[in-house]
Amino acid sequence: MDMLTRLWVYAKSQSLRFIKEDKAASGIEYVLIAVMVAVVLTAFSGDIATAVETIMGEIESSLTTSAESIPPAEG
């Protein structure tokens, strides 16, 4: 068997072994998901912060208006 054939057989057997290894595949998948989430959060962090501030401001305004419209308790 020549050197190239031995190298091919070794590479193929190692590739098949890596593919069958569930733990390594799961770890790689988790890393890829974490990277995608980090990229999305970094890209949209300003937009998300602005949206949250707007929503919280609307909630505060609604609560203030509702509180002002409640008649005082008689007592």
PDB file of N, CA and C in Angstrom:
ATOM      1  N   MET A   1       0.855  -1.162   0.000  1.00  0.00           N
ATOM      2  CA  MET A   1       0.000   0.000   0.000  1.00  0.00           C
ATOM      3  C   MET A   1       0.909   1.235   0.000  1.00  0.00           C
ATOM      4  N   ASP A   2       0.651   2.136  -0.900  1.00  0.00           N
ATOM      5  CA  ASP A   2       1.505   3.313  -0.963  1.00  0.00           C
ATOM      6  C   ASP A   2       1.103   4.335   0.105  1.00  0.00           C
ATOM      7  N   MET A   3       1.919   5.334   0.266  1.00  0.00           N
ATOM      8  CA  MET A   3       1.732   6.334   1.316  1.00  0.00           C
ATOM      9  C   MET A   3       0.424   7.101   1.151  1.00  0.00           C
ATOM     10  N   LEU A   4       0.064   7.459  -0.071  1.00  0.00           N
ATOM     11  CA  LEU A   4      -1.163   8.219  -0.325  1.00  0.00           C
ATOM     12  C   LEU A   4      -2.399   7.408   0.059  1.00  0.00           C
ATOM     13  N   THR A   5      -2.410   6.123  -0.231  1.00  0.00           N
ATOM     14  CA  THR A   5      -3.538   5.264   0.116  1.00  0.00           C
ATOM     15  C   THR A   5      -3.663   5.139   1.627  1.00  0.00           C
ATOM     16  N   ARG A   6      -2.537   4.970   2.318  1.00  0.00           N
ATOM     17  CA  ARG A   6      -2.570   4.883   3.774  1.00  0.00           C
ATOM     18  C   ARG A   6      -3.076   6.187   4.392  1.00  0.00           C
ATOM     19  N   LEU A   7      -2.647   7.289   3.837  1.00  0.00           N
ATOM     20  CA  LEU A   7      -3.112   8.585   4.331  1.00  0.00           C
ATOM     21  C   LEU A   7      -4.612   8.739   4.115  1.00  0.00           C
ATOM     22  N   TRP A   8      -5.098   8.310   2.944  1.00  0.00           N
ATOM     23  CA  TRP A   8      -6.531   8.381   2.641  1.00  0.00           C
ATOM     24  C   TRP A   8      -7.343   7.531   3.623  1.00  0.00           C
ATOM     25  N   VAL A   9      -6.887   6.308   3.858  1.00  0.00           N
ATOM     26  CA  VAL A   9      -7.590   5.401   4.769  1.00  0.00           C
ATOM     27  C   VAL A   9      -7.598   5.977   6.180  1.00  0.00           C
ATOM     28  N   TYR A  10      -6.475   6.521   6.627  1.00  0.00           N
ATOM     29  CA  TYR A  10      -6.401   7.112   7.954  1.00  0.00           C
ATOM     30  C   TYR A  10      -7.341   8.314   8.079  1.00  0.00           C
ATOM     31  N   ALA A  11      -7.318   9.201   7.096  1.00  0.00           N
ATOM     32  CA  ALA A  11      -8.167  10.385   7.129  1.00  0.00           C
ATOM     33  C   ALA A  11      -9.643  10.003   7.121  1.00  0.00           C
ATOM     34  N   LYS A  12      -9.998   9.018   6.317  1.00  0.00           N
ATOM     35  CA  LYS A  12     -11.393   8.585   6.249  1.00  0.00           C
ATOM     36  C   LYS A  12     -11.836   7.960   7.565  1.00  0.00           C
ATOM     37  N   SER A  13     -11.009   7.107   8.145  1.00  0.00           N
ATOM     38  CA  SER A  13     -11.390   6.465   9.405  1.00  0.00           C
ATOM     39  C   SER A  13     -11.505   7.497  10.530  1.00  0.00           C
ATOM     40  N   GLN A  14     -10.614   8.479  10.573  1.00  0.00           N
ATOM     41  CA  GLN A  14     -10.691   9.520  11.598  1.00  0.00           C
ATOM     42  C   GLN A  14     -11.923  10.403  11.394  1.00  0.00           C
ATOM     43  N   SER A  15     -12.252  10.687  10.142  1.00  0.00           N
ATOM     44  CA  SER A  15     -13.442  11.492   9.853  1.00  0.00           C
ATOM     45  C   SER A  15     -14.704  10.768  10.279  1.00  0.00           C
ATOM     46  N   LEU A  16     -14.800   9.482   9.967  1.00  0.00           N
ATOM     47  CA  LEU A  16     -15.966   8.700  10.367  1.00  0.00           C
ATOM     48  C   LEU A  16     -16.069   8.613  11.887  1.00  0.00           C
ATOM     49  N   ARG A  17     -14.943   8.457  12.550  1.00  0.00           N
ATOM     50  CA  ARG A  17     -14.940   8.391  14.008  1.00  0.00           C
ATOM     51  C   ARG A  17     -15.402   9.721  14.608  1.00  0.00           C
ATOM     52  N   PHE A  18     -14.958  10.837  14.033  1.00  0.00           N
ATOM     53  CA  PHE A  18     -15.365  12.155  14.523  1.00  0.00           C
ATOM     54  C   PHE A  18     -16.857  12.380  14.301  1.00  0.00           C
ATOM     55  N   ILE A  19     -17.372  11.951  13.150  1.00  0.00           N
ATOM     56  CA  ILE A  19     -18.793  12.121  12.850  1.00  0.00           C
ATOM     57  C   ILE A  19     -19.653  11.310  13.814  1.00  0.00           C
ATOM     58  N   LYS A  20     -19.205  10.109  14.172  1.00  0.00           N
ATOM     59  CA  LYS A  20     -19.965   9.253  15.084  1.00  0.00           C
ATOM     60  C   LYS A  20     -19.916   9.761  16.522  1.00  0.00           C
ATOM     61  N   GLU A  21     -18.941  10.561  16.862  1.00  0.00           N
ATOM     62  CA  GLU A  21     -18.784  11.075  18.222  1.00  0.00           C
ATOM     63  C   GLU A  21     -19.844  12.133  18.492  1.00  0.00           C
ATOM     64  N   ASP A  22     -20.843  11.781  19.285  1.00  0.00           N
ATOM     65  CA  ASP A  22     -21.955  12.687  19.575  1.00  0.00           C
ATOM     66  C   ASP A  22     -21.546  13.853  20.471  1.00  0.00           C
ATOM     67  N   LYS A  23     -20.694  13.606  21.414  1.00  0.00           N
ATOM     68  CA  LYS A  23     -20.318  14.659  22.354  1.00  0.00           C
ATOM     69  C   LYS A  23     -19.607  15.796  21.655  1.00  0.00           C
ATOM     70  N   ALA A  24     -18.728  15.484  20.748  1.00  0.00           N
ATOM     71  CA  ALA A  24     -18.007  16.533  20.029  1.00  0.00           C
ATOM     72  C   ALA A  24     -18.962  17.325  19.149  1.00  0.00           C
ATOM     73  N   ALA A  25     -19.884  16.644  18.497  1.00  0.00           N
ATOM     74  CA  ALA A  25     -20.835  17.332  17.627  1.00  0.00           C
ATOM     75  C   ALA A  25     -21.727  18.257  18.439  1.00  0.00           C
ATOM     76  N   SER A  26     -22.191  17.814  19.590  1.00  0.00           N
ATOM     77  CA  SER A  26     -23.037  18.650  20.443  1.00  0.00           C
ATOM     78  C   SER A  26     -22.281  19.869  20.931  1.00  0.00           C
ATOM     79  N   GLY A  27     -21.038  19.678  21.309  1.00  0.00           N
ATOM     80  CA  GLY A  27     -20.222  20.795  21.768  1.00  0.00           C
ATOM     81  C   GLY A  27     -20.027  21.829  20.677  1.00  0.00           C
ATOM     82  N   ILE A  28     -19.753  21.369  19.483  1.00  0.00           N
ATOM     83  CA  ILE A  28     -19.566  22.282  18.355  1.00  0.00           C
ATOM     84  C   ILE A  28     -20.860  23.012  18.056  1.00  0.00           C
ATOM     85  N   GLU A  29     -21.978  22.322  18.108  1.00  0.00           N
ATOM     86  CA  GLU A  29     -23.274  22.968  17.852  1.00  0.00           C
ATOM     87  C   GLU A  29     -23.553  24.053  18.879  1.00  0.00           C
ATOM     88  N   TYR A  30     -23.269  23.771  20.153  1.00  0.00           N
ATOM     89  CA  TYR A  30     -23.502  24.773  21.198  1.00  0.00           C
ATOM     90  C   TYR A  30     -22.614  25.999  20.999  1.00  0.00           C
ATOM     91  N   VAL A  31     -21.375  25.779  20.591  1.00  0.00           N
ATOM     92  CA  VAL A  31     -20.470  26.898  20.342  1.00  0.00           C
ATOM     93  C   VAL A  31     -20.984  27.740  19.183  1.00  0.00           C
ATOM     94  N   LEU A  32     -21.432  27.099  18.111  1.00  0.00           N
ATOM     95  CA  LEU A  32     -21.957  27.840  16.963  1.00  0.00           C
ATOM     96  C   LEU A  32     -23.197  28.648  17.336  1.00  0.00           C
ATOM     97  N   ILE A  33     -24.080  28.072  18.136  1.00  0.00           N
ATOM     98  CA  ILE A  33     -25.281  28.791  18.573  1.00  0.00           C
ATOM     99  C   ILE A  33     -24.883  29.992  19.427  1.00  0.00           C
ATOM    100  N   ALA A  34     -23.946  29.806  20.341  1.00  0.00           N
ATOM    101  CA  ALA A  34     -23.507  30.903  21.200  1.00  0.00           C
ATOM    102  C   ALA A  34     -22.882  32.031  20.375  1.00  0.00           C
ATOM    103  N   VAL A  35     -22.116  31.678  19.364  1.00  0.00           N
ATOM    104  CA  VAL A  35     -21.503  32.698  18.503  1.00  0.00           C
ATOM    105  C   VAL A  35     -22.574  33.455  17.735  1.00  0.00           C
ATOM    106  N   MET A  36     -23.564  32.748  17.198  1.00  0.00           N
ATOM    107  CA  MET A  36     -24.639  33.427  16.457  1.00  0.00           C
ATOM    108  C   MET A  36     -25.421  34.369  17.363  1.00  0.00           C
ATOM    109  N   VAL A  37     -25.720  33.941  18.584  1.00  0.00           N
ATOM    110  CA  VAL A  37     -26.446  34.807  19.524  1.00  0.00           C
ATOM    111  C   VAL A  37     -25.607  36.034  19.856  1.00  0.00           C
ATOM    112  N   ALA A  38     -24.321  35.852  20.068  1.00  0.00           N
ATOM    113  CA  ALA A  38     -23.449  36.981  20.389  1.00  0.00           C
ATOM    114  C   ALA A  38     -23.385  37.980  19.240  1.00  0.00           C
ATOM    115  N   VAL A  39     -23.316  37.476  18.013  1.00  0.00           N
ATOM    116  CA  VAL A  39     -23.272  38.366  16.845  1.00  0.00           C
ATOM    117  C   VAL A  39     -24.571  39.150  16.727  1.00  0.00           C
ATOM    118  N   VAL A  40     -25.698  38.478  16.905  1.00  0.00           N
ATOM    119  CA  VAL A  40     -26.996  39.159  16.801  1.00  0.00           C
ATOM    120  C   VAL A  40     -27.140  40.201  17.895  1.00  0.00           C
ATOM    121  N   LEU A  41     -26.781  39.852  19.124  1.00  0.00           N
ATOM    122  CA  LEU A  41     -26.882  40.815  20.218  1.00  0.00           C
ATOM    123  C   LEU A  41     -25.971  42.020  20.000  1.00  0.00           C
ATOM    124  N   THR A  42     -24.786  41.773  19.488  1.00  0.00           N
ATOM    125  CA  THR A  42     -23.866  42.872  19.215  1.00  0.00           C
ATOM    126  C   THR A  42     -24.392  43.762  18.104  1.00  0.00           C
ATOM    127  N   ALA A  43     -24.927  43.156  17.078  1.00  0.00           N
ATOM    128  CA  ALA A  43     -25.405  43.926  15.934  1.00  0.00           C
ATOM    129  C   ALA A  43     -26.631  44.766  16.269  1.00  0.00           C
ATOM    130  N   PHE A  44     -27.500  44.232  17.109  1.00  0.00           N
ATOM    131  CA  PHE A  44     -28.764  44.911  17.375  1.00  0.00           C
ATOM    132  C   PHE A  44     -28.880  45.474  18.784  1.00  0.00           C
ATOM    133  N   SER A  45     -27.796  45.542  19.526  1.00  0.00           N
ATOM    134  CA  SER A  45     -27.887  45.979  20.916  1.00  0.00           C
ATOM    135  C   SER A  45     -28.417  47.399  21.042  1.00  0.00           C
ATOM    136  N   GLY A  46     -28.016  48.301  20.172  1.00  0.00           N
ATOM    137  CA  GLY A  46     -28.525  49.668  20.209  1.00  0.00           C
ATOM    138  C   GLY A  46     -30.001  49.719  19.902  1.00  0.00           C
ATOM    139  N   ASP A  47     -30.424  48.996  18.876  1.00  0.00           N
ATOM    140  CA  ASP A  47     -31.836  48.961  18.502  1.00  0.00           C
ATOM    141  C   ASP A  47     -32.691  48.339  19.601  1.00  0.00           C
ATOM    142  N   ILE A  48     -32.186  47.283  20.210  1.00  0.00           N
ATOM    143  CA  ILE A  48     -32.930  46.601  21.264  1.00  0.00           C
ATOM    144  C   ILE A  48     -33.068  47.527  22.477  1.00  0.00           C
ATOM    145  N   ALA A  49     -31.989  48.198  22.845  1.00  0.00           N
ATOM    146  CA  ALA A  49     -32.035  49.102  23.998  1.00  0.00           C
ATOM    147  C   ALA A  49     -33.039  50.222  23.770  1.00  0.00           C
ATOM    148  N   THR A  50     -33.045  50.779  22.556  1.00  0.00           N
ATOM    149  CA  THR A  50     -33.989  51.848  22.233  1.00  0.00           C
ATOM    150  C   THR A  50     -35.424  51.344  22.295  1.00  0.00           C
ATOM    151  N   ALA A  51     -35.659  50.161  21.767  1.00  0.00           N
ATOM    152  CA  ALA A  51     -37.008  49.594  21.778  1.00  0.00           C
ATOM    153  C   ALA A  51     -37.486  49.332  23.204  1.00  0.00           C
ATOM    154  N   VAL A  52     -36.610  48.807  24.048  1.00  0.00           N
ATOM    155  CA  VAL A  52     -36.984  48.529  25.434  1.00  0.00           C
ATOM    156  C   VAL A  52     -37.269  49.838  26.177  1.00  0.00           C
ATOM    157  N   GLU A  53     -36.454  50.849  25.947  1.00  0.00           N
ATOM    158  CA  GLU A  53     -36.688  52.147  26.593  1.00  0.00           C
ATOM    159  C   GLU A  53     -38.030  52.736  26.158  1.00  0.00           C
ATOM    160  N   THR A  54     -38.358  52.610  24.877  1.00  0.00           N
ATOM    161  CA  THR A  54     -39.636  53.119  24.370  1.00  0.00           C
ATOM    162  C   THR A  54     -40.807  52.389  25.017  1.00  0.00           C
ATOM    163  N   ILE A  55     -40.724  51.078  25.076  1.00  0.00           N
ATOM    164  CA  ILE A  55     -41.801  50.279  25.680  1.00  0.00           C
ATOM    165  C   ILE A  55     -41.958  50.618  27.162  1.00  0.00           C
ATOM    166  N   MET A  56     -40.848  50.735  27.869  1.00  0.00           N
ATOM    167  CA  MET A  56     -40.924  51.054  29.298  1.00  0.00           C
ATOM    168  C   MET A  56     -41.497  52.452  29.507  1.00  0.00           C
ATOM    169  N   GLY A  57     -41.159  53.392  28.637  1.00  0.00           N
ATOM    170  CA  GLY A  57     -41.717  54.735  28.720  1.00  0.00           C
ATOM    171  C   GLY A  57     -43.221  54.739  28.497  1.00  0.00           C
ATOM    172  N   GLU A  58     -43.680  53.941  27.533  1.00  0.00           N
ATOM    173  CA  GLU A  58     -45.122  53.832  27.273  1.00  0.00           C
ATOM    174  C   GLU A  58     -45.844  53.210  28.473  1.00  0.00           C
ATOM    175  N   ILE A  59     -45.247  52.209  29.069  1.00  0.00           N
ATOM    176  CA  ILE A  59     -45.849  51.573  30.243  1.00  0.00           C
ATOM    177  C   ILE A  59     -45.929  52.572  31.395  1.00  0.00           C
ATOM    178  N   GLU A  60     -44.851  53.317  31.614  1.00  0.00           N
ATOM    179  CA  GLU A  60     -44.839  54.311  32.680  1.00  0.00           C
ATOM    180  C   GLU A  60     -45.899  55.381  32.443  1.00  0.00           C
ATOM    181  N   SER A  61     -46.006  55.824  31.203  1.00  0.00           N
ATOM    182  CA  SER A  61     -47.008  56.841  30.864  1.00  0.00           C
ATOM    183  C   SER A  61     -48.423  56.313  31.094  1.00  0.00           C
ATOM    184  N   SER A  62     -48.671  55.082  30.696  1.00  0.00           N
ATOM    185  CA  SER A  62     -49.997  54.485  30.885  1.00  0.00           C
ATOM    186  C   SER A  62     -50.333  54.328  32.362  1.00  0.00           C
ATOM    187  N   LEU A  63     -49.367  53.906  33.146  1.00  0.00           N
ATOM    188  CA  LEU A  63     -49.605  53.740  34.584  1.00  0.00           C
ATOM    189  C   LEU A  63     -49.859  55.087  35.259  1.00  0.00           C
ATOM    190  N   THR A  64     -49.125  56.107  34.851  1.00  0.00           N
ATOM    191  CA  THR A  64     -49.319  57.442  35.424  1.00  0.00           C
ATOM    192  C   THR A  64     -50.701  57.975  35.084  1.00  0.00           C
ATOM    193  N   THR A  65     -51.108  57.822  33.821  1.00  0.00           N
ATOM    194  CA  THR A  65     -52.427  58.281  33.389  1.00  0.00           C
ATOM    195  C   THR A  65     -53.519  57.520  34.122  1.00  0.00           C
ATOM    196  N   SER A  66     -53.352  56.219  34.274  1.00  0.00           N
ATOM    197  CA  SER A  66     -54.351  55.408  34.982  1.00  0.00           C
ATOM    198  C   SER A  66     -54.438  55.805  36.444  1.00  0.00           C
ATOM    199  N   ALA A  67     -53.304  56.063  37.066  1.00  0.00           N
ATOM    200  CA  ALA A  67     -53.285  56.426  38.479  1.00  0.00           C
ATOM    201  C   ALA A  67     -53.944  57.790  38.697  1.00  0.00           C
ATOM    202  N   GLU A  68     -53.774  58.699  37.748  1.00  0.00           N
ATOM    203  CA  GLU A  68     -54.375  60.030  37.877  1.00  0.00           C
ATOM    204  C   GLU A  68     -55.885  59.994  37.682  1.00  0.00           C
ATOM    205  N   SER A  69     -56.373  59.004  36.948  1.00  0.00           N
ATOM    206  CA  SER A  69     -57.805  58.947  36.674  1.00  0.00           C
ATOM    207  C   SER A  69     -58.601  58.240  37.787  1.00  0.00           C
ATOM    208  N   ILE A  70     -57.917  57.652  38.757  1.00  0.00           N
ATOM    209  CA  ILE A  70     -58.606  56.969  39.867  1.00  0.00           C
ATOM    210  C   ILE A  70     -59.042  58.038  40.882  1.00  0.00           C
ATOM    211  N   PRO A  71     -60.318  58.058  41.230  1.00  0.00           N
ATOM    212  CA  PRO A  71     -60.767  59.052  42.207  1.00  0.00           C
ATOM    213  C   PRO A  71     -60.182  58.765  43.595  1.00  0.00           C
ATOM    214  N   PRO A  72     -59.960  59.818  44.371  1.00  0.00           N
ATOM    215  CA  PRO A  72     -59.397  59.598  45.711  1.00  0.00           C
ATOM    216  C   PRO A  72     -60.373  58.809  46.590  1.00  0.00           C
ATOM    217  N   ALA A  73     -59.811  58.066  47.482  1.00  0.00           N
ATOM    218  CA  ALA A  73     -60.621  57.251  48.403  1.00  0.00           C
ATOM    219  C   ALA A  73     -61.312  58.168  49.414  1.00  0.00           C
ATOM    220  N   GLU A  74     -62.551  57.848  49.707  1.00  0.00           N
ATOM    221  CA  GLU A  74     -63.280  58.626  50.720  1.00  0.00           C
ATOM    222  C   GLU A  74     -62.949  58.069  52.087  1.00  0.00           C
ATOM    223  N   GLY A  75     -62.701  58.911  52.950  1.00  0.00           N
ATOM    224  CA  GLY A  75     -62.347  58.357  54.221  1.00  0.00           C
ATOM    225  C   GLY A  75     -62.453  59.230  55.334  1.00  0.00           C
TER     226      GLY A  75
END
